[in-house]
C-alpha atoms as a PDB file:
ATOM      1  CA  MET A   1     -13.608 -22.213  61.392  1.00  0.00           C
ATOM      2  CA  THR A   2     -12.381 -20.579  58.315  1.00  0.00           C
ATOM      3  CA  GLN A   3     -10.873 -21.958  55.349  1.00  0.00           C
ATOM      4  CA  THR A   4      -7.470 -20.627  56.130  1.00  0.00           C
ATOM      5  CA  ALA A   5      -7.791 -21.979  59.771  1.00  0.00           C
ATOM      6  CA  ASN A   6      -7.742 -25.510  57.972  1.00  0.00           C
ATOM      7  CA  ALA A   7      -4.584 -24.861  56.191  1.00  0.00           C
ATOM      8  CA  GLY A   8      -2.443 -26.415  58.749  1.00  0.00           C
ATOM      9  CA  ARG A   9      -4.827 -29.531  58.974  1.00  0.00           C
ATOM     10  CA  LEU A  10      -4.974 -30.858  55.508  1.00  0.00           C
ATOM     11  CA  GLY A  11      -4.202 -34.279  56.618  1.00  0.00           C
ATOM     12  CA  ALA A  12      -2.703 -37.272  54.645  1.00  0.00           C
ATOM     13  CA  MET A  13      -2.520 -37.042  50.830  1.00  0.00           C
ATOM     14  CA  PRO A  14      -5.783 -38.978  49.465  1.00  0.00           C
ATOM     15  CA  LEU A  15      -4.453 -41.296  46.779  1.00  0.00           C
ATOM     16  CA  ASN A  16      -7.780 -42.652  45.856  1.00  0.00           C
ATOM     17  CA  ARG A  17      -8.668 -40.320  43.070  1.00  0.00           C
ATOM     18  CA  ARG A  18      -9.179 -40.582  39.354  1.00  0.00           C
ATOM     19  CA  MET A  19      -6.202 -38.305  38.352  1.00  0.00           C
ATOM     20  CA  VAL A  20      -2.783 -38.957  39.835  1.00  0.00           C
ATOM     21  CA  THR A  21      -0.165 -36.723  38.145  1.00  0.00           C
ATOM     22  CA  ILE A  22       3.703 -37.177  39.204  1.00  0.00           C
ATOM     23  CA  ASP A  23       6.528 -34.981  38.434  1.00  0.00           C
ATOM     24  CA  GLU A  24       9.931 -35.791  39.903  1.00  0.00           C
ATOM     25  CA  ARG A  25      13.541 -34.680  39.558  1.00  0.00           C
ATOM     26  CA  LEU A  26      16.666 -35.338  41.332  1.00  0.00           C
ATOM     27  CA  VAL A  27      18.087 -32.095  42.336  1.00  0.00           C
ATOM     28  CA  ASN A  28      21.601 -31.628  42.695  1.00  0.00           C
ATOM     29  CA  ALA A  29      21.286 -29.603  46.140  1.00  0.00           C
ATOM     30  CA  PRO A  30      20.525 -30.715  49.581  1.00  0.00           C
ATOM     31  CA  VAL A  31      17.055 -30.528  51.137  1.00  0.00           C
ATOM     32  CA  GLU A  32      18.342 -27.440  53.237  1.00  0.00           C
ATOM     33  CA  VAL A  33      18.623 -25.527  49.889  1.00  0.00           C
ATOM     34  CA  ILE A  34      15.708 -26.879  47.531  1.00  0.00           C
ATOM     35  CA  PHE A  35      13.088 -26.985  50.399  1.00  0.00           C
ATOM     36  CA  PRO A  36      13.268 -23.061  51.362  1.00  0.00           C
ATOM     37  CA  LEU A  37      13.168 -22.303  47.697  1.00  0.00           C
ATOM     38  CA  ALA A  38      10.014 -24.399  47.087  1.00  0.00           C
ATOM     39  CA  ARG A  39       8.056 -23.225  50.253  1.00  0.00           C
ATOM     40  CA  ASP A  40       8.772 -19.557  49.499  1.00  0.00           C
ATOM     41  CA  VAL A  41       5.912 -19.406  46.959  1.00  0.00           C
ATOM     42  CA  GLU A  42       5.798 -15.865  46.641  1.00  0.00           C
ATOM     43  CA  GLY A  43       9.233 -15.956  45.329  1.00  0.00           C
ATOM     44  CA  TRP A  44       8.239 -18.375  42.510  1.00  0.00           C
ATOM     45  CA  PRO A  45       7.874 -15.883  39.843  1.00  0.00           C
ATOM     46  CA  ARG A  46      11.541 -14.627  40.465  1.00  0.00           C
ATOM     47  CA  HIS A  47      12.686 -18.066  39.458  1.00  0.00           C
ATOM     48  CA  LEU A  48       9.983 -19.095  37.174  1.00  0.00           C
ATOM     49  CA  PRO A  49       8.957 -17.146  34.016  1.00  0.00           C
ATOM     50  CA  HIS A  50       5.855 -19.031  33.563  1.00  0.00           C
ATOM     51  CA  TYR A  51       4.488 -17.777  36.793  1.00  0.00           C
ATOM     52  CA  ARG A  52       2.468 -14.534  36.266  1.00  0.00           C
ATOM     53  CA  TYR A  53       2.139 -13.978  40.247  1.00  0.00           C
ATOM     54  CA  VAL A  54       1.819 -15.850  43.546  1.00  0.00           C
ATOM     55  CA  ARG A  55       0.264 -13.894  46.621  1.00  0.00           C
ATOM     56  CA  PHE A  56      -1.015 -14.761  49.971  1.00  0.00           C
ATOM     57  CA  ARG A  57      -4.683 -13.760  50.700  1.00  0.00           C
ATOM     58  CA  ASP A  58      -4.293 -14.765  54.265  1.00  0.00           C
ATOM     59  CA  ARG A  59      -0.605 -15.820  55.401  1.00  0.00           C
ATOM     60  CA  GLN A  60      -0.331 -17.997  58.484  1.00  0.00           C
ATOM     61  CA  ASP A  61       2.486 -19.695  60.197  1.00  0.00           C
ATOM     62  CA  ASP A  62       3.536 -22.187  57.642  1.00  0.00           C
ATOM     63  CA  GLY A  63       1.094 -21.620  55.084  1.00  0.00           C
ATOM     64  CA  GLY A  64      -2.239 -20.051  54.641  1.00  0.00           C
ATOM     65  CA  LEU A  65      -4.455 -19.166  51.601  1.00  0.00           C
ATOM     66  CA  VAL A  66      -2.387 -18.471  48.287  1.00  0.00           C
ATOM     67  CA  GLU A  67      -3.534 -17.257  44.953  1.00  0.00           C
ATOM     68  CA  MET A  68      -1.394 -18.649  41.932  1.00  0.00           C
ATOM     69  CA  ALA A  69      -1.394 -17.665  38.375  1.00  0.00           C
ATOM     70  CA  ALA A  70       0.689 -19.272  35.655  1.00  0.00           C
ATOM     71  CA  ASN A  71       1.014 -19.639  31.992  1.00  0.00           C
ATOM     72  CA  ARG A  72       0.919 -23.225  30.207  1.00  0.00           C
ATOM     73  CA  PRO A  73       2.672 -22.487  27.012  1.00  0.00           C
ATOM     74  CA  PHE A  74       1.285 -23.889  23.665  1.00  0.00           C
ATOM     75  CA  TRP A  75       3.888 -23.250  21.014  1.00  0.00           C
ATOM     76  CA  ILE A  76       4.101 -19.645  20.389  1.00  0.00           C
ATOM     77  CA  ALA A  77       0.863 -18.840  22.634  1.00  0.00           C
ATOM     78  CA  ALA A  78       0.520 -19.201  26.609  1.00  0.00           C
ATOM     79  CA  TRP A  79      -2.831 -20.305  28.297  1.00  0.00           C
ATOM     80  CA  PRO A  80      -3.400 -18.449  31.347  1.00  0.00           C
ATOM     81  CA  THR A  81      -4.258 -20.523  34.416  1.00  0.00           C
ATOM     82  CA  TRP A  82      -5.276 -19.284  38.045  1.00  0.00           C
ATOM     83  CA  TRP A  83      -6.039 -21.405  41.150  1.00  0.00           C
ATOM     84  CA  LEU A  84      -6.664 -20.649  44.944  1.00  0.00           C
ATOM     85  CA  SER A  85      -4.947 -22.953  47.326  1.00  0.00           C
ATOM     86  CA  LEU A  86      -4.801 -23.758  51.096  1.00  0.00           C
ATOM     87  CA  MET A  87      -1.046 -24.255  51.947  1.00  0.00           C
ATOM     88  CA  ALA A  88       0.621 -26.176  54.612  1.00  0.00           C
ATOM     89  CA  VAL A  89       4.286 -26.558  55.351  1.00  0.00           C
ATOM     90  CA  GLU A  90       5.537 -29.741  57.163  1.00  0.00           C
ATOM     91  CA  HIS A  91       9.010 -29.401  58.414  1.00  0.00           C
ATOM     92  CA  ASP A  92       9.386 -32.937  60.198  1.00  0.00           C
ATOM     93  CA  ARG A  93       9.182 -34.829  56.830  1.00  0.00           C
ATOM     94  CA  PRO A  94       9.572 -32.053  55.014  1.00  0.00           C
ATOM     95  CA  ALA A  95       6.719 -31.555  52.831  1.00  0.00           C
ATOM     96  CA  ILE A  96       4.409 -28.841  51.321  1.00  0.00           C
ATOM     97  CA  ARG A  97       0.819 -29.587  50.952  1.00  0.00           C
ATOM     98  CA  PHE A  98      -1.824 -27.711  49.043  1.00  0.00           C
ATOM     99  CA  ARG A  99      -5.649 -28.006  48.437  1.00  0.00           C
ATOM    100  CA  HIS A 100      -7.091 -26.179  45.607  1.00  0.00           C
ATOM    101  CA  VAL A 101     -10.106 -24.321  46.882  1.00  0.00           C
ATOM    102  CA  GLY A 102     -10.977 -21.905  43.916  1.00  0.00           C
ATOM    103  CA  GLY A 103     -10.343 -22.254  40.001  1.00  0.00           C
ATOM    104  CA  ILE A 104     -11.208 -25.069  37.685  1.00  0.00           C
ATOM    105  CA  THR A 105      -9.043 -27.537  39.704  1.00  0.00           C
ATOM    106  CA  THR A 106     -10.963 -26.991  42.914  1.00  0.00           C
ATOM    107  CA  GLY A 107     -10.738 -30.078  45.098  1.00  0.00           C
ATOM    108  CA  MET A 108      -7.413 -30.914  43.889  1.00  0.00           C
ATOM    109  CA  ASP A 109      -4.570 -31.927  46.531  1.00  0.00           C
ATOM    110  CA  VAL A 110      -0.963 -31.521  45.803  1.00  0.00           C
ATOM    111  CA  GLU A 111       2.052 -32.734  47.656  1.00  0.00           C
ATOM    112  CA  TRP A 112       5.655 -31.642  47.235  1.00  0.00           C
ATOM    113  CA  GLN A 113       7.742 -34.469  48.650  1.00  0.00           C
ATOM    114  CA  PHE A 114      11.612 -33.931  49.490  1.00  0.00           C
ATOM    115  CA  MET A 115      13.879 -37.004  50.037  1.00  0.00           C
ATOM    116  CA  PRO A 116      17.476 -36.563  50.563  1.00  0.00           C
ATOM    117  CA  VAL A 117      19.728 -38.907  48.677  1.00  0.00           C
ATOM    118  CA  ASP A 118      23.559 -38.402  49.691  1.00  0.00           C
ATOM    119  CA  ARG A 119      24.095 -34.776  48.933  1.00  0.00           C
ATOM    120  CA  THR A 120      21.210 -34.399  46.454  1.00  0.00           C
ATOM    121  CA  THR A 121      17.344 -34.385  46.953  1.00  0.00           C
ATOM    122  CA  LEU A 122      14.663 -36.160  45.084  1.00  0.00           C
ATOM    123  CA  VAL A 123      11.832 -33.913  44.856  1.00  0.00           C
ATOM    124  CA  ARG A 124       8.285 -35.419  43.980  1.00  0.00           C
ATOM    125  CA  ILE A 125       5.316 -33.474  43.038  1.00  0.00           C
ATOM    126  CA  VAL A 126       2.050 -35.550  43.326  1.00  0.00           C
ATOM    127  CA  HIS A 127      -1.321 -33.950  42.146  1.00  0.00           C
ATOM    128  CA  VAL A 128      -4.516 -36.255  42.976  1.00  0.00           C
ATOM    129  CA  TRP A 129      -8.029 -35.245  41.782  1.00  0.00           C
ATOM    130  CA  ASP A 130     -11.530 -36.473  40.620  1.00  0.00           C
ATOM    131  CA  GLY A 131     -12.019 -33.825  37.938  1.00  0.00           C
ATOM    132  CA  PRO A 132     -14.235 -30.730  37.714  1.00  0.00           C
ATOM    133  CA  ALA A 133     -17.904 -31.223  38.507  1.00  0.00           C
ATOM    134  CA  TRP A 134     -18.955 -31.687  35.098  1.00  0.00           C
ATOM    135  CA  PRO A 135     -21.571 -34.187  34.309  1.00  0.00           C
ATOM    136  CA  LEU A 136     -20.290 -37.205  32.415  1.00  0.00           C
ATOM    137  CA  ILE A 137     -16.923 -35.679  31.364  1.00  0.00           C
ATOM    138  CA  GLY A 138     -15.246 -34.170  34.352  1.00  0.00           C
ATOM    139  CA  GLY A 139     -13.319 -37.289  35.154  1.00  0.00           C
ATOM    140  CA  LEU A 140     -12.373 -37.694  31.592  1.00  0.00           C
ATOM    141  CA  ALA A 141     -11.488 -34.042  31.328  1.00  0.00           C
ATOM    142  CA  ALA A 142      -8.936 -34.533  34.329  1.00  0.00           C
ATOM    143  CA  THR A 143      -7.388 -37.689  33.077  1.00  0.00           C
ATOM    144  CA  GLY A 144      -7.252 -36.933  29.310  1.00  0.00           C
ATOM    145  CA  ILE A 145      -6.274 -33.155  29.043  1.00  0.00           C
ATOM    146  CA  ILE A 146      -6.190 -31.229  32.498  1.00  0.00           C
ATOM    147  CA  GLY A 147      -3.681 -33.617  34.368  1.00  0.00           C
ATOM    148  CA  PRO A 148      -1.313 -34.608  31.555  1.00  0.00           C
ATOM    149  CA  VAL A 149      -1.299 -31.295  29.442  1.00  0.00           C
ATOM    150  CA  PHE A 150      -1.875 -28.478  31.934  1.00  0.00           C
ATOM    151  CA  ILE A 151      -1.006 -29.758  35.410  1.00  0.00           C
ATOM    152  CA  HIS A 152       1.987 -31.634  34.070  1.00  0.00           C
ATOM    153  CA  GLY A 153       2.987 -28.816  31.769  1.00  0.00           C
ATOM    154  CA  ILE A 154       2.927 -26.587  34.652  1.00  0.00           C
ATOM    155  CA  ALA A 155       4.502 -28.583  37.329  1.00  0.00           C
ATOM    156  CA  SER A 156       7.213 -29.919  35.362  1.00  0.00           C
ATOM    157  CA  ARG A 157       8.470 -26.349  34.334  1.00  0.00           C
ATOM    158  CA  THR A 158       7.965 -25.258  38.145  1.00  0.00           C
ATOM    159  CA  LEU A 159      10.154 -28.199  39.324  1.00  0.00           C
ATOM    160  CA  ALA A 160      12.982 -27.607  36.678  1.00  0.00           C
ATOM    161  CA  GLY A 161      13.086 -23.893  37.563  1.00  0.00           C
ATOM    162  CA  LEU A 162      13.268 -24.350  41.279  1.00  0.00           C
ATOM    163  CA  ALA A 163      15.811 -27.175  40.617  1.00  0.00           C
ATOM    164  CA  THR A 164      18.124 -24.821  38.698  1.00  0.00           C
ATOM    165  CA  ALA A 165      17.753 -21.915  41.068  1.00  0.00           C
ATOM    166  CA  ALA A 166      18.642 -24.442  44.047  1.00  0.00           C
ATOM    167  CA  GLU A 167      21.705 -25.837  42.024  1.00  0.00           C
ATOM    168  CA  SER A 168      23.069 -22.283  41.181  1.00  0.00           C
ATOM    169  CA  HIS A 169      22.825 -21.483  44.769  1.00  0.00           C
ATOM    170  CA  ASN A 170      24.600 -24.805  45.852  1.00  0.00           C
ATOM    171  CA  ARG A 171      27.386 -23.892  43.470  1.00  0.00           C
ATOM    172  CA  SER A 172      27.915 -20.617  44.787  1.00  0.00           C
END
């Protein structure tokens, strides 16, 4: 079985990892507006200036193998990041799952959760990971630098940008 054949079977989100990073926001738009924007990952660069590109290497129904590249701003400079993920969209809950299979964050699991709250949506992005396979410092790097600086730095901007796009769409 290939990596992409497993994309639809990422299973439950593992929660027993060293690093847990949560970004959440109440979006002033219904699930029917924000969920399609979030699952259209190839469209993210249109709404998110920090994304350099997003492209499927192998597209399948409701997911596949997707390559992503974004910048993490630091004052006047930008630190380029890159990763490769298996992606699976779950329509019944709704949710979007990723498992990083390439890049420094290999082994990271990510879940986007969408919870209706009246006519708004609480969107929560959960990242879990044990860190890079660096002897002695991998876990410390994940919990002390990679999670709070890079993961949160990119995820919070991604969520804010998609929220703005959904809220603009909702007003029109």
